[in-house]
C-alpha atoms as a PDB file:
ATOM      1  CA  UNK A   1     -49.061  -9.018 -82.173  1.00  0.00           C
ATOM      2  CA  UNK A   2     -50.926 -12.064 -80.906  1.00  0.00           C
ATOM      3  CA  UNK A   3     -53.342 -11.224 -78.088  1.00  0.00           C
ATOM      4  CA  UNK A   4     -56.441 -13.285 -78.795  1.00  0.00           C
ATOM      5  CA  UNK A   5     -56.127 -17.057 -79.079  1.00  0.00           C
ATOM      6  CA  UNK A   6     -58.913 -19.489 -79.968  1.00  0.00           C
ATOM      7  CA  UNK A   7     -58.400 -23.145 -79.030  1.00  0.00           C
ATOM      8  CA  UNK A   8     -60.605 -25.694 -80.793  1.00  0.00           C
ATOM      9  CA  UNK A   9     -61.288 -28.895 -78.886  1.00  0.00           C
ATOM     10  CA  UNK A  10     -61.788 -29.061 -75.108  1.00  0.00           C
ATOM     11  CA  UNK A  11     -60.254 -32.483 -74.539  1.00  0.00           C
ATOM     12  CA  UNK A  12     -57.014 -33.255 -72.723  1.00  0.00           C
ATOM     13  CA  UNK A  13     -54.777 -31.353 -75.134  1.00  0.00           C
ATOM     14  CA  UNK A  14     -57.190 -28.492 -75.768  1.00  0.00           C
ATOM     15  CA  UNK A  15     -57.759 -27.657 -72.107  1.00  0.00           C
ATOM     16  CA  UNK A  16     -54.008 -27.857 -71.460  1.00  0.00           C
ATOM     17  CA  UNK A  17     -53.248 -25.498 -74.356  1.00  0.00           C
ATOM     18  CA  UNK A  18     -55.945 -23.074 -73.174  1.00  0.00           C
ATOM     19  CA  UNK A  19     -54.452 -23.241 -69.671  1.00  0.00           C
ATOM     20  CA  UNK A  20     -50.925 -22.225 -70.706  1.00  0.00           C
ATOM     21  CA  UNK A  21     -52.064 -19.418 -73.007  1.00  0.00           C
ATOM     22  CA  UNK A  22     -54.411 -17.975 -70.365  1.00  0.00           C
ATOM     23  CA  UNK A  23     -51.793 -18.273 -67.646  1.00  0.00           C
ATOM     24  CA  UNK A  24     -49.373 -16.304 -69.822  1.00  0.00           C
ATOM     25  CA  UNK A  25     -51.880 -13.473 -70.199  1.00  0.00           C
ATOM     26  CA  UNK A  26     -53.500 -14.197 -73.575  1.00  0.00           C
ATOM     27  CA  UNK A  27     -57.246 -13.847 -74.093  1.00  0.00           C
ATOM     28  CA  UNK A  28     -58.474 -17.367 -74.774  1.00  0.00           C
ATOM     29  CA  UNK A  29     -61.688 -18.658 -76.315  1.00  0.00           C
ATOM     30  CA  UNK A  30     -62.011 -22.411 -75.773  1.00  0.00           C
ATOM     31  CA  UNK A  31     -64.326 -23.913 -78.394  1.00  0.00           C
ATOM     32  CA  UNK A  32     -66.122 -27.255 -78.446  1.00  0.00           C
ATOM     33  CA  UNK A  33     -69.433 -28.416 -79.895  1.00  0.00           C
ATOM     34  CA  UNK A  34     -70.372 -29.949 -76.519  1.00  0.00           C
ATOM     35  CA  UNK A  35     -71.129 -27.504 -73.701  1.00  0.00           C
ATOM     36  CA  UNK A  36     -70.661 -30.297 -71.144  1.00  0.00           C
ATOM     37  CA  UNK A  37     -67.138 -30.910 -72.458  1.00  0.00           C
ATOM     38  CA  UNK A  38     -66.351 -27.205 -72.082  1.00  0.00           C
ATOM     39  CA  UNK A  39     -67.538 -27.237 -68.463  1.00  0.00           C
ATOM     40  CA  UNK A  40     -65.467 -30.342 -67.785  1.00  0.00           C
ATOM     41  CA  UNK A  41     -62.423 -28.697 -69.384  1.00  0.00           C
ATOM     42  CA  UNK A  42     -62.755 -25.610 -67.204  1.00  0.00           C
ATOM     43  CA  UNK A  43     -62.993 -27.812 -64.114  1.00  0.00           C
ATOM     44  CA  UNK A  44     -59.831 -29.629 -65.196  1.00  0.00           C
ATOM     45  CA  UNK A  45     -58.005 -26.336 -65.743  1.00  0.00           C
ATOM     46  CA  UNK A  46     -59.038 -25.141 -62.269  1.00  0.00           C
ATOM     47  CA  UNK A  47     -57.910 -28.441 -60.731  1.00  0.00           C
ATOM     48  CA  UNK A  48     -54.517 -28.162 -62.454  1.00  0.00           C
ATOM     49  CA  UNK A  49     -54.183 -24.543 -61.318  1.00  0.00           C
ATOM     50  CA  UNK A  50     -54.908 -25.703 -57.757  1.00  0.00           C
ATOM     51  CA  UNK A  51     -52.026 -28.181 -58.066  1.00  0.00           C
ATOM     52  CA  UNK A  52     -49.752 -25.325 -59.111  1.00  0.00           C
ATOM     53  CA  UNK A  53     -51.062 -23.255 -56.203  1.00  0.00           C
ATOM     54  CA  UNK A  54     -50.326 -25.999 -53.646  1.00  0.00           C
ATOM     55  CA  UNK A  55     -46.789 -26.336 -55.029  1.00  0.00           C
ATOM     56  CA  UNK A  56     -46.227 -22.579 -54.716  1.00  0.00           C
ATOM     57  CA  UNK A  57     -45.845 -22.117 -58.462  1.00  0.00           C
ATOM     58  CA  UNK A  58     -48.658 -19.531 -58.670  1.00  0.00           C
ATOM     59  CA  UNK A  59     -50.655 -17.332 -56.292  1.00  0.00           C
ATOM     60  CA  UNK A  60     -54.417 -17.340 -55.715  1.00  0.00           C
ATOM     61  CA  UNK A  61     -54.588 -14.071 -57.648  1.00  0.00           C
ATOM     62  CA  UNK A  62     -52.754 -15.601 -60.622  1.00  0.00           C
ATOM     63  CA  UNK A  63     -55.132 -18.556 -60.533  1.00  0.00           C
ATOM     64  CA  UNK A  64     -58.177 -16.272 -60.652  1.00  0.00           C
ATOM     65  CA  UNK A  65     -56.651 -14.096 -63.379  1.00  0.00           C
ATOM     66  CA  UNK A  66     -55.964 -17.194 -65.493  1.00  0.00           C
ATOM     67  CA  UNK A  67     -59.562 -18.397 -65.192  1.00  0.00           C
ATOM     68  CA  UNK A  68     -60.846 -14.927 -66.088  1.00  0.00           C
ATOM     69  CA  UNK A  69     -58.820 -15.029 -69.315  1.00  0.00           C
ATOM     70  CA  UNK A  70     -60.829 -18.021 -70.608  1.00  0.00           C
ATOM     71  CA  UNK A  71     -64.180 -17.738 -72.390  1.00  0.00           C
ATOM     72  CA  UNK A  72     -66.183 -20.779 -73.504  1.00  0.00           C
ATOM     73  CA  UNK A  73     -67.920 -21.074 -76.869  1.00  0.00           C
ATOM     74  CA  UNK A  74     -69.858 -23.767 -78.729  1.00  0.00           C
ATOM     75  CA  UNK A  75     -70.168 -21.785 -81.975  1.00  0.00           C
ATOM     76  CA  UNK A  76     -67.026 -22.105 -84.111  1.00  0.00           C
ATOM     77  CA  UNK A  77     -67.640 -18.965 -86.169  1.00  0.00           C
ATOM     78  CA  UNK A  78     -68.179 -16.792 -83.103  1.00  0.00           C
ATOM     79  CA  UNK A  79     -65.248 -18.409 -81.330  1.00  0.00           C
ATOM     80  CA  UNK A  80     -62.660 -17.569 -83.998  1.00  0.00           C
ATOM     81  CA  UNK A  81     -64.095 -14.229 -85.183  1.00  0.00           C
ATOM     82  CA  UNK A  82     -61.638 -12.126 -83.180  1.00  0.00           C
ATOM     83  CA  UNK A  83     -58.655 -14.478 -83.150  1.00  0.00           C
ATOM     84  CA  UNK A  84     -55.043 -13.580 -83.931  1.00  0.00           C
ATOM     85  CA  UNK A  85     -54.158 -17.268 -83.598  1.00  0.00           C
ATOM     86  CA  UNK A  86     -56.280 -20.395 -83.774  1.00  0.00           C
ATOM     87  CA  UNK A  87     -54.871 -23.619 -82.306  1.00  0.00           C
ATOM     88  CA  UNK A  88     -56.830 -26.684 -83.412  1.00  0.00           C
ATOM     89  CA  UNK A  89     -56.682 -29.567 -80.929  1.00  0.00           C
ATOM     90  CA  UNK A  90     -59.531 -31.758 -82.142  1.00  0.00           C
ATOM     91  CA  UNK A  91     -59.575 -35.528 -82.628  1.00  0.00           C
ATOM     92  CA  UNK A  92     -56.571 -36.936 -84.497  1.00  0.00           C
ATOM     93  CA  UNK A  93     -58.633 -37.679 -87.597  1.00  0.00           C
ATOM     94  CA  UNK A  94     -57.677 -36.304 -90.997  1.00  0.00           C
ATOM     95  CA  UNK A  95     -61.202 -35.847 -92.345  1.00  0.00           C
ATOM     96  CA  UNK A  96     -62.315 -34.000 -89.205  1.00  0.00           C
ATOM     97  CA  UNK A  97     -59.287 -31.700 -89.276  1.00  0.00           C
ATOM     98  CA  UNK A  98     -59.647 -30.864 -92.967  1.00  0.00           C
ATOM     99  CA  UNK A  99     -63.298 -29.946 -92.522  1.00  0.00           C
ATOM    100  CA  UNK A 100     -62.471 -27.866 -89.437  1.00  0.00           C
ATOM    101  CA  UNK A 101     -59.789 -25.908 -91.266  1.00  0.00           C
ATOM    102  CA  UNK A 102     -62.148 -25.156 -94.142  1.00  0.00           C
ATOM    103  CA  UNK A 103     -64.573 -23.667 -91.627  1.00  0.00           C
ATOM    104  CA  UNK A 104     -61.898 -21.840 -89.610  1.00  0.00           C
ATOM    105  CA  UNK A 105     -60.453 -20.324 -92.776  1.00  0.00           C
ATOM    106  CA  UNK A 106     -63.831 -18.898 -93.707  1.00  0.00           C
ATOM    107  CA  UNK A 107     -64.518 -17.438 -90.252  1.00  0.00           C
ATOM    108  CA  UNK A 108     -61.161 -16.235 -88.876  1.00  0.00           C
ATOM    109  CA  UNK A 109     -59.728 -12.753 -89.677  1.00  0.00           C
ATOM    110  CA  UNK A 110     -57.367 -12.606 -92.664  1.00  0.00           C
ATOM    111  CA  UNK A 111     -54.327 -11.844 -90.487  1.00  0.00           C
ATOM    112  CA  UNK A 112     -54.984 -14.847 -88.238  1.00  0.00           C
ATOM    113  CA  UNK A 113     -52.429 -17.679 -88.051  1.00  0.00           C
ATOM    114  CA  UNK A 114     -53.959 -21.160 -88.129  1.00  0.00           C
ATOM    115  CA  UNK A 115     -52.079 -23.780 -86.107  1.00  0.00           C
ATOM    116  CA  UNK A 116     -52.782 -27.470 -85.675  1.00  0.00           C
ATOM    117  CA  UNK A 117     -51.756 -29.570 -82.685  1.00  0.00           C
ATOM    118  CA  UNK A 118     -51.683 -32.685 -84.865  1.00  0.00           C
ATOM    119  CA  UNK A 119     -49.143 -35.304 -83.887  1.00  0.00           C
ATOM    120  CA  UNK A 120     -48.883 -36.908 -87.326  1.00  0.00           C
ATOM    121  CA  UNK A 121     -51.259 -35.555 -89.986  1.00  0.00           C
ATOM    122  CA  UNK A 122     -49.674 -33.553 -92.815  1.00  0.00           C
ATOM    123  CA  UNK A 123     -49.635 -29.810 -92.102  1.00  0.00           C
ATOM    124  CA  UNK A 124     -49.243 -29.232 -95.852  1.00  0.00           C
ATOM    125  CA  UNK A 125     -52.429 -31.183 -96.583  1.00  0.00           C
ATOM    126  CA  UNK A 126     -54.317 -29.308 -93.873  1.00  0.00           C
ATOM    127  CA  UNK A 127     -53.040 -25.989 -95.279  1.00  0.00           C
ATOM    128  CA  UNK A 128     -54.154 -26.948 -98.795  1.00  0.00           C
ATOM    129  CA  UNK A 129     -57.852 -26.689 -97.902  1.00  0.00           C
ATOM    130  CA  UNK A 130     -57.443 -23.058 -96.786  1.00  0.00           C
ATOM    131  CA  UNK A 131     -56.989 -19.803 -98.705  1.00  0.00           C
ATOM    132  CA  UNK A 132     -53.936 -18.956 -96.560  1.00  0.00           C
ATOM    133  CA  UNK A 133     -51.464 -21.886 -96.664  1.00  0.00           C
ATOM    134  CA  UNK A 134     -48.561 -19.556 -95.784  1.00  0.00           C
ATOM    135  CA  UNK A 135     -50.302 -18.893 -92.445  1.00  0.00           C
ATOM    136  CA  UNK A 136     -50.823 -22.548 -91.495  1.00  0.00           C
ATOM    137  CA  UNK A 137     -48.350 -24.273 -89.176  1.00  0.00           C
ATOM    138  CA  UNK A 138     -48.046 -27.194 -86.785  1.00  0.00           C
ATOM    139  CA  UNK A 139     -47.831 -26.441 -83.071  1.00  0.00           C
ATOM    140  CA  UNK A 140     -47.490 -29.861 -81.459  1.00  0.00           C
ATOM    141  CA  UNK A 141     -47.691 -29.594 -77.668  1.00  0.00           C
ATOM    142  CA  UNK A 142     -46.819 -32.509 -75.402  1.00  0.00           C
ATOM    143  CA  UNK A 143     -49.097 -34.006 -72.747  1.00  0.00           C
ATOM    144  CA  UNK A 144     -49.576 -32.803 -70.010  1.00  0.00           C
ATOM    145  CA  UNK A 145     -49.315 -29.377 -71.645  1.00  0.00           C
ATOM    146  CA  UNK A 146     -48.878 -27.270 -68.469  1.00  0.00           C
ATOM    147  CA  UNK A 147     -45.908 -29.449 -67.438  1.00  0.00           C
ATOM    148  CA  UNK A 148     -44.103 -30.490 -70.628  1.00  0.00           C
ATOM    149  CA  UNK A 149     -41.661 -27.941 -72.045  1.00  0.00           C
ATOM    150  CA  UNK A 150     -41.474 -29.022 -75.683  1.00  0.00           C
ATOM    151  CA  UNK A 151     -43.446 -27.552 -78.569  1.00  0.00           C
ATOM    152  CA  UNK A 152     -42.660 -29.249 -81.870  1.00  0.00           C
ATOM    153  CA  UNK A 153     -43.140 -26.516 -84.483  1.00  0.00           C
ATOM    154  CA  UNK A 154     -43.855 -28.032 -87.905  1.00  0.00           C
ATOM    155  CA  UNK A 155     -43.445 -25.997 -91.062  1.00  0.00           C
ATOM    156  CA  UNK A 156     -45.737 -27.059 -93.883  1.00  0.00           C
ATOM    157  CA  UNK A 157     -44.435 -26.845 -97.437  1.00  0.00           C
ATOM    158  CA  UNK A 158     -45.964 -23.372 -97.851  1.00  0.00           C
ATOM    159  CA  UNK A 159     -45.571 -22.024 -94.297  1.00  0.00           C
ATOM    160  CA  UNK A 160     -44.167 -18.499 -94.364  1.00  0.00           C
ATOM    161  CA  UNK A 161     -40.825 -17.721 -92.707  1.00  0.00           C
ATOM    162  CA  UNK A 162     -42.342 -14.890 -90.675  1.00  0.00           C
ATOM    163  CA  UNK A 163     -45.169 -17.138 -89.461  1.00  0.00           C
ATOM    164  CA  UNK A 164     -42.666 -19.787 -88.371  1.00  0.00           C
ATOM    165  CA  UNK A 165     -40.590 -17.182 -86.510  1.00  0.00           C
ATOM    166  CA  UNK A 166     -43.730 -15.827 -84.823  1.00  0.00           C
ATOM    167  CA  UNK A 167     -44.739 -19.254 -83.525  1.00  0.00           C
ATOM    168  CA  UNK A 168     -41.206 -19.979 -82.297  1.00  0.00           C
ATOM    169  CA  UNK A 169     -41.186 -16.675 -80.372  1.00  0.00           C
ATOM    170  CA  UNK A 170     -44.696 -17.319 -79.074  1.00  0.00           C
ATOM    171  CA  UNK A 171     -43.705 -20.769 -77.796  1.00  0.00           C
ATOM    172  CA  UNK A 172     -40.842 -19.176 -75.871  1.00  0.00           C
ATOM    173  CA  UNK A 173     -43.226 -16.557 -74.453  1.00  0.00           C
ATOM    174  CA  UNK A 174     -45.332 -19.444 -73.086  1.00  0.00           C
ATOM    175  CA  UNK A 175     -42.268 -20.733 -71.242  1.00  0.00           C
ATOM    176  CA  UNK A 176     -41.871 -23.609 -73.691  1.00  0.00           C
ATOM    177  CA  UNK A 177     -38.875 -24.736 -75.734  1.00  0.00           C
ATOM    178  CA  UNK A 178     -39.687 -24.855 -79.470  1.00  0.00           C
ATOM    179  CA  UNK A 179     -38.001 -27.323 -81.809  1.00  0.00           C
ATOM    180  CA  UNK A 180     -38.446 -26.968 -85.573  1.00  0.00           C
ATOM    181  CA  UNK A 181     -39.318 -29.839 -87.878  1.00  0.00           C
ATOM    182  CA  UNK A 182     -40.425 -30.099 -91.494  1.00  0.00           C
ATOM    183  CA  UNK A 183     -43.638 -31.697 -92.653  1.00  0.00           C
ATOM    184  CA  UNK A 184     -42.990 -35.381 -93.285  1.00  0.00           C
ATOM    185  CA  UNK A 185     -44.929 -38.303 -91.759  1.00  0.00           C
ATOM    186  CA  UNK A 186     -44.611 -38.363 -87.969  1.00  0.00           C
ATOM    187  CA  UNK A 187     -42.435 -35.215 -88.007  1.00  0.00           C
ATOM    188  CA  UNK A 188     -39.665 -35.993 -85.462  1.00  0.00           C
ATOM    189  CA  UNK A 189     -41.350 -36.800 -82.144  1.00  0.00           C
ATOM    190  CA  UNK A 190     -43.575 -39.596 -83.402  1.00  0.00           C
ATOM    191  CA  UNK A 191     -41.339 -40.772 -86.223  1.00  0.00           C
ATOM    192  CA  UNK A 192     -38.890 -41.855 -83.529  1.00  0.00           C
ATOM    193  CA  UNK A 193     -41.243 -42.607 -80.616  1.00  0.00           C
ATOM    194  CA  UNK A 194     -43.879 -44.729 -82.352  1.00  0.00           C
ATOM    195  CA  UNK A 195     -41.509 -47.304 -83.900  1.00  0.00           C
ATOM    196  CA  UNK A 196     -40.004 -47.730 -80.400  1.00  0.00           C
ATOM    197  CA  UNK A 197     -43.448 -48.307 -78.874  1.00  0.00           C
ATOM    198  CA  UNK A 198     -44.354 -50.644 -81.748  1.00  0.00           C
ATOM    199  CA  UNK A 199     -41.145 -52.627 -81.222  1.00  0.00           C
ATOM    200  CA  UNK A 200     -41.958 -52.922 -77.519  1.00  0.00           C
ATOM    201  CA  UNK A 201     -45.402 -54.304 -78.420  1.00  0.00           C
ATOM    202  CA  UNK A 202     -43.796 -56.715 -80.898  1.00  0.00           C
ATOM    203  CA  UNK A 203     -41.390 -57.873 -78.164  1.00  0.00           C
ATOM    204  CA  UNK A 204     -44.369 -58.657 -75.936  1.00  0.00           C
ATOM    205  CA  UNK A 205     -46.287 -60.243 -78.831  1.00  0.00           C
ATOM    206  CA  UNK A 206     -43.345 -62.510 -79.686  1.00  0.00           C
ATOM    207  CA  UNK A 207     -42.783 -63.536 -76.053  1.00  0.00           C
ATOM    208  CA  UNK A 208     -39.336 -61.976 -75.747  1.00  0.00           C
ATOM    209  CA  UNK A 209     -40.240 -60.455 -72.366  1.00  0.00           C
ATOM    210  CA  UNK A 210     -43.246 -59.491 -70.257  1.00  0.00           C
ATOM    211  CA  UNK A 211     -44.837 -56.084 -69.782  1.00  0.00           C
ATOM    212  CA  UNK A 212     -42.998 -55.231 -66.555  1.00  0.00           C
ATOM    213  CA  UNK A 213     -39.648 -56.458 -67.856  1.00  0.00           C
ATOM    214  CA  UNK A 214     -39.902 -54.444 -71.089  1.00  0.00           C
ATOM    215  CA  UNK A 215     -40.777 -51.240 -69.253  1.00  0.00           C
ATOM    216  CA  UNK A 216     -38.221 -51.800 -66.472  1.00  0.00           C
ATOM    217  CA  UNK A 217     -35.405 -52.372 -68.966  1.00  0.00           C
ATOM    218  CA  UNK A 218     -36.176 -49.139 -70.783  1.00  0.00           C
ATOM    219  CA  UNK A 219     -36.638 -47.133 -67.581  1.00  0.00           C
ATOM    220  CA  UNK A 220     -33.571 -48.352 -65.723  1.00  0.00           C
ATOM    221  CA  UNK A 221     -31.347 -49.140 -68.683  1.00  0.00           C
ATOM    222  CA  UNK A 222     -32.110 -46.143 -70.878  1.00  0.00           C
ATOM    223  CA  UNK A 223     -33.123 -43.602 -68.201  1.00  0.00           C
ATOM    224  CA  UNK A 224     -36.626 -43.212 -69.658  1.00  0.00           C
ATOM    225  CA  UNK A 225     -39.028 -41.792 -67.046  1.00  0.00           C
ATOM    226  CA  UNK A 226     -41.754 -44.150 -68.280  1.00  0.00           C
ATOM    227  CA  UNK A 227     -41.555 -47.462 -70.089  1.00  0.00           C
ATOM    228  CA  UNK A 228     -42.842 -47.654 -73.699  1.00  0.00           C
ATOM    229  CA  UNK A 229     -45.870 -49.818 -72.891  1.00  0.00           C
ATOM    230  CA  UNK A 230     -46.961 -47.600 -70.012  1.00  0.00           C
ATOM    231  CA  UNK A 231     -46.412 -44.561 -72.224  1.00  0.00           C
ATOM    232  CA  UNK A 232     -48.538 -46.131 -74.966  1.00  0.00           C
ATOM    233  CA  UNK A 233     -51.333 -46.585 -72.428  1.00  0.00           C
ATOM    234  CA  UNK A 234     -51.086 -42.895 -71.502  1.00  0.00           C
ATOM    235  CA  UNK A 235     -51.066 -41.732 -75.122  1.00  0.00           C
ATOM    236  CA  UNK A 236     -53.925 -44.052 -76.015  1.00  0.00           C
ATOM    237  CA  UNK A 237     -53.410 -47.231 -78.016  1.00  0.00           C
ATOM    238  CA  UNK A 238     -55.880 -46.003 -80.638  1.00  0.00           C
ATOM    239  CA  UNK A 239     -53.767 -42.871 -81.112  1.00  0.00           C
ATOM    240  CA  UNK A 240     -50.582 -44.965 -81.365  1.00  0.00           C
ATOM    241  CA  UNK A 241     -52.237 -47.170 -83.995  1.00  0.00           C
ATOM    242  CA  UNK A 242     -53.443 -44.144 -85.959  1.00  0.00           C
ATOM    243  CA  UNK A 243     -49.971 -42.589 -86.031  1.00  0.00           C
ATOM    244  CA  UNK A 244     -48.330 -45.854 -87.058  1.00  0.00           C
ATOM    245  CA  UNK A 245     -50.833 -46.156 -89.897  1.00  0.00           C
ATOM    246  CA  UNK A 246     -49.918 -42.624 -91.029  1.00  0.00           C
ATOM    247  CA  UNK A 247     -46.204 -43.558 -90.972  1.00  0.00           C
ATOM    248  CA  UNK A 248     -46.820 -46.857 -92.767  1.00  0.00           C
ATOM    249  CA  UNK A 249     -48.954 -45.234 -95.465  1.00  0.00           C
ATOM    250  CA  UNK A 250     -46.750 -42.145 -95.788  1.00  0.00           C
ATOM    251  CA  UNK A 251     -43.452 -43.964 -96.235  1.00  0.00           C
ATOM    252  CA  UNK A 252     -44.707 -47.262 -97.668  1.00  0.00           C
ATOM    253  CA  UNK A 253     -42.140 -49.026 -95.506  1.00  0.00           C
ATOM    254  CA  UNK A 254     -43.098 -52.282 -93.701  1.00  0.00           C
ATOM    255  CA  UNK A 255     -40.974 -51.326 -90.684  1.00  0.00           C
ATOM    256  CA  UNK A 256     -43.789 -48.965 -89.640  1.00  0.00           C
ATOM    257  CA  UNK A 257     -46.540 -51.612 -89.875  1.00  0.00           C
ATOM    258  CA  UNK A 258     -48.402 -51.762 -86.536  1.00  0.00           C
ATOM    259  CA  UNK A 259     -48.021 -54.929 -84.491  1.00  0.00           C
ATOM    260  CA  UNK A 260     -51.055 -57.271 -84.775  1.00  0.00           C
ATOM    261  CA  UNK A 261     -51.322 -57.273 -80.968  1.00  0.00           C
ATOM    262  CA  UNK A 262     -51.770 -53.489 -80.980  1.00  0.00           C
ATOM    263  CA  UNK A 263     -54.398 -53.774 -83.712  1.00  0.00           C
ATOM    264  CA  UNK A 264     -56.335 -56.392 -81.723  1.00  0.00           C
ATOM    265  CA  UNK A 265     -56.163 -54.404 -78.493  1.00  0.00           C
ATOM    266  CA  UNK A 266     -57.634 -51.347 -80.191  1.00  0.00           C
ATOM    267  CA  UNK A 267     -60.344 -53.474 -81.831  1.00  0.00           C
ATOM    268  CA  UNK A 268     -61.180 -54.809 -78.336  1.00  0.00           C
ATOM    269  CA  UNK A 269     -61.344 -51.260 -76.921  1.00  0.00           C
ATOM    270  CA  UNK A 270     -58.339 -51.881 -74.655  1.00  0.00           C
ATOM    271  CA  UNK A 271     -57.043 -48.350 -75.252  1.00  0.00           C
ATOM    272  CA  UNK A 272     -55.029 -47.730 -72.099  1.00  0.00           C
ATOM    273  CA  UNK A 273     -55.789 -45.156 -69.412  1.00  0.00           C
ATOM    274  CA  UNK A 274     -58.817 -43.706 -71.234  1.00  0.00           C
ATOM    275  CA  UNK A 275     -60.638 -47.067 -71.297  1.00  0.00           C
ATOM    276  CA  UNK A 276     -59.329 -48.300 -67.930  1.00  0.00           C
ATOM    277  CA  UNK A 277     -57.167 -51.087 -69.384  1.00  0.00           C
ATOM    278  CA  UNK A 278     -54.347 -51.529 -71.856  1.00  0.00           C
ATOM    279  CA  UNK A 279     -51.054 -53.172 -71.008  1.00  0.00           C
ATOM    280  CA  UNK A 280     -51.888 -52.206 -67.427  1.00  0.00           C
ATOM    281  CA  UNK A 281     -55.197 -51.801 -65.586  1.00  0.00           C
ATOM    282  CA  UNK A 282     -56.219 -48.466 -64.076  1.00  0.00           C
ATOM    283  CA  UNK A 283     -59.098 -49.287 -61.740  1.00  0.00           C
ATOM    284  CA  UNK A 284     -57.150 -47.745 -58.855  1.00  0.00           C
ATOM    285  CA  UNK A 285     -55.751 -44.767 -60.771  1.00  0.00           C
ATOM    286  CA  UNK A 286     -52.515 -44.388 -62.693  1.00  0.00           C
ATOM    287  CA  UNK A 287     -49.924 -44.358 -59.896  1.00  0.00           C
ATOM    288  CA  UNK A 288     -49.958 -48.044 -58.955  1.00  0.00           C
ATOM    289  CA  UNK A 289     -49.006 -50.074 -62.011  1.00  0.00           C
ATOM    290  CA  UNK A 290     -50.913 -53.361 -62.249  1.00  0.00           C
ATOM    291  CA  UNK A 291     -50.255 -55.454 -65.346  1.00  0.00           C
ATOM    292  CA  UNK A 292     -53.414 -56.406 -67.223  1.00  0.00           C
ATOM    293  CA  UNK A 293     -54.541 -59.953 -66.479  1.00  0.00           C
ATOM    294  CA  UNK A 294     -54.195 -60.688 -70.192  1.00  0.00           C
ATOM    295  CA  UNK A 295     -50.390 -60.358 -69.903  1.00  0.00           C
ATOM    296  CA  UNK A 296     -49.709 -61.928 -66.505  1.00  0.00           C
END
């Protein structure tokens, strides 16, 4: 029985994951080294609950109950001490994740399942630094977590069948739709998505079409809700580059090599929404799309 869930990382994904677990009735400890980040995360969760309230999706009582289910903690050991499940949602950096899992493994109860929200890093490699590889699994939520239905469940090489079944059932209990994948570079979501985004960047780089044209063609022609360049801005161009590097290194295939334009944009800190400019500019928010001056 999973009742107590610890979420590590209070960024965009972490606060969203904490939100859905708390709203479903789980006891949640949200952990981050920065107290200010934890406070910001709780404010974001309350703001997102208010949106649900305005839309009639929840009541005021449900909002308050959800907030009461969340505790904040800056000490990792204390935060995971009573956990039945830990979901790691820290920076998409292999070295950081490996070190985190070493620490989590030493502090979490023996029965605890250790899940990672990684979008590309090997679950098998993460599991290898723990004493419980059979209890390590990928639980890849989509952004924004309270809205998106998919959870990509990634079985590492040593992940136990019962653990996999537990996480599938848990995802359904959260109101999500789980989809199983095995642990190979990019899994399924990013193995397919990132080459598409990279090809869109190459098309811009080679002058085949402009930013608006590329996104319009994919939205209207392929029924995508968001064009690939706009989506890249939302994901973060640094994250896209990191995942492409994982694919390129993992498969050794030049088709996954990141476009030089993407590399230069990341080097120039044009990261998309998070930096205020990518393929579009976001000075006036994210609803009105204004192509970056660089690409006009």
